[in-house]
Amino acid sequence: MTLEEALQHFPTGYNLCKKLKITSTNVNIWRKNGFIPLKQQFLINRLVGIDMPIDLNKEEMYLRLSKSNSQQQ
């Protein structure tokens, strides 16, 4: 799921943060990285009571890129 899809189910981004017990900084990081971490995607699905599609590929790709960048330094 995208951040925009998740936000459609909450009145504000603040409400999403409050329900997930996270700070707005986390949401800004999700926006910057282009994905919501898997754990949070599952929790959002549970909170809204529907099954939005889980996006596995973007997080995996991000983790691989981060790992390869840290190995190059």
Protein backbone atom coordinates (compact mmCIF):
# COMPACT_ATOMS: atom_id res chain seq x y z
CA MET A 1 0.00 0.00 0.00
CA THR A 2 1.10 3.54 -0.56
CA LEU A 3 1.06 6.25 2.05
CA GLU A 4 -1.70 8.00 0.12
CA GLU A 5 -3.84 4.84 0.21
CA ALA A 6 -3.31 4.52 3.96
CA LEU A 7 -4.13 8.17 4.61
CA GLN A 8 -7.49 7.80 2.83
CA HIS A 9 -8.68 5.79 5.84
CA PHE A 10 -7.75 8.35 8.50
CA PRO A 11 -9.11 11.89 8.93
CA THR A 12 -5.56 13.32 9.18
CA GLY A 13 -1.96 12.19 9.14
CA TYR A 14 -1.91 12.97 12.86
CA ASN A 15 -4.68 10.42 13.43
CA LEU A 16 -2.68 7.79 11.55
CA CYS A 17 0.37 8.53 13.71
CA LYS A 18 -1.67 8.42 16.89
CA LYS A 19 -3.26 5.06 16.01
CA LEU A 20 0.13 3.55 15.09
CA LYS A 21 1.81 5.15 18.13
CA ILE A 22 4.50 6.74 15.97
CA THR A 23 5.69 10.28 15.32
CA SER A 24 5.10 12.35 12.23
CA THR A 25 8.82 11.95 11.53
CA ASN A 26 8.15 8.30 10.71
CA VAL A 27 5.52 9.25 8.15
CA ASN A 28 7.89 11.80 6.61
CA ILE A 29 10.53 9.07 6.29
CA TRP A 30 7.96 6.78 4.63
CA ARG A 31 7.13 9.56 2.19
CA LYS A 32 10.82 10.19 1.45
CA ASN A 33 11.65 6.49 1.00
CA GLY A 34 8.50 5.78 -0.99
CA PHE A 35 7.14 2.92 1.14
CA ILE A 36 5.56 1.98 4.45
CA PRO A 37 7.45 -0.70 6.42
CA LEU A 38 5.78 -4.13 6.31
CA LYS A 39 4.99 -4.24 10.03
CA GLN A 40 3.16 -0.93 9.75
CA GLN A 41 1.30 -2.01 6.59
CA PHE A 42 -0.10 -5.04 8.41
CA LEU A 43 -1.06 -2.91 11.40
CA ILE A 44 -2.82 -0.35 9.17
CA ASN A 45 -4.81 -3.16 7.54
CA ARG A 46 -5.84 -4.42 10.96
CA LEU A 47 -6.85 -0.92 12.09
CA VAL A 48 -8.97 -0.11 9.04
CA GLY A 49 -10.51 -3.59 8.87
CA ILE A 50 -9.82 -4.17 5.19
CA ASP A 51 -7.02 -5.80 3.28
CA MET A 52 -5.19 -3.19 1.26
CA PRO A 53 -2.43 -4.69 -0.88
CA ILE A 54 0.84 -5.21 0.97
CA ASP A 55 3.85 -3.86 -0.92
CA LEU A 56 6.78 -6.19 -0.31
CA ASN A 57 9.09 -5.16 -3.13
CA LYS A 58 9.85 -1.54 -2.27
CA GLU A 59 11.04 -2.25 1.28
CA GLU A 60 13.17 -5.16 0.11
CA MET A 61 14.71 -3.04 -2.65
CA TYR A 62 15.41 -0.20 -0.20
CA LEU A 63 17.10 -2.57 2.26
CA ARG A 64 19.27 -4.03 -0.50
CA LEU A 65 20.31 -0.57 -1.69
CA SER A 66 21.10 0.53 1.86
CA LYS A 67 23.19 -2.56 2.43
CA SER A 68 25.13 -2.19 -0.82
CA ASN A 69 25.75 1.53 -0.15
CA SER A 70 27.10 0.82 3.33
CA GLN A 71 29.41 -1.91 1.96
CA GLN A 72 30.83 0.50 -0.64
CA GLN A 73 31.85 3.03 1.99
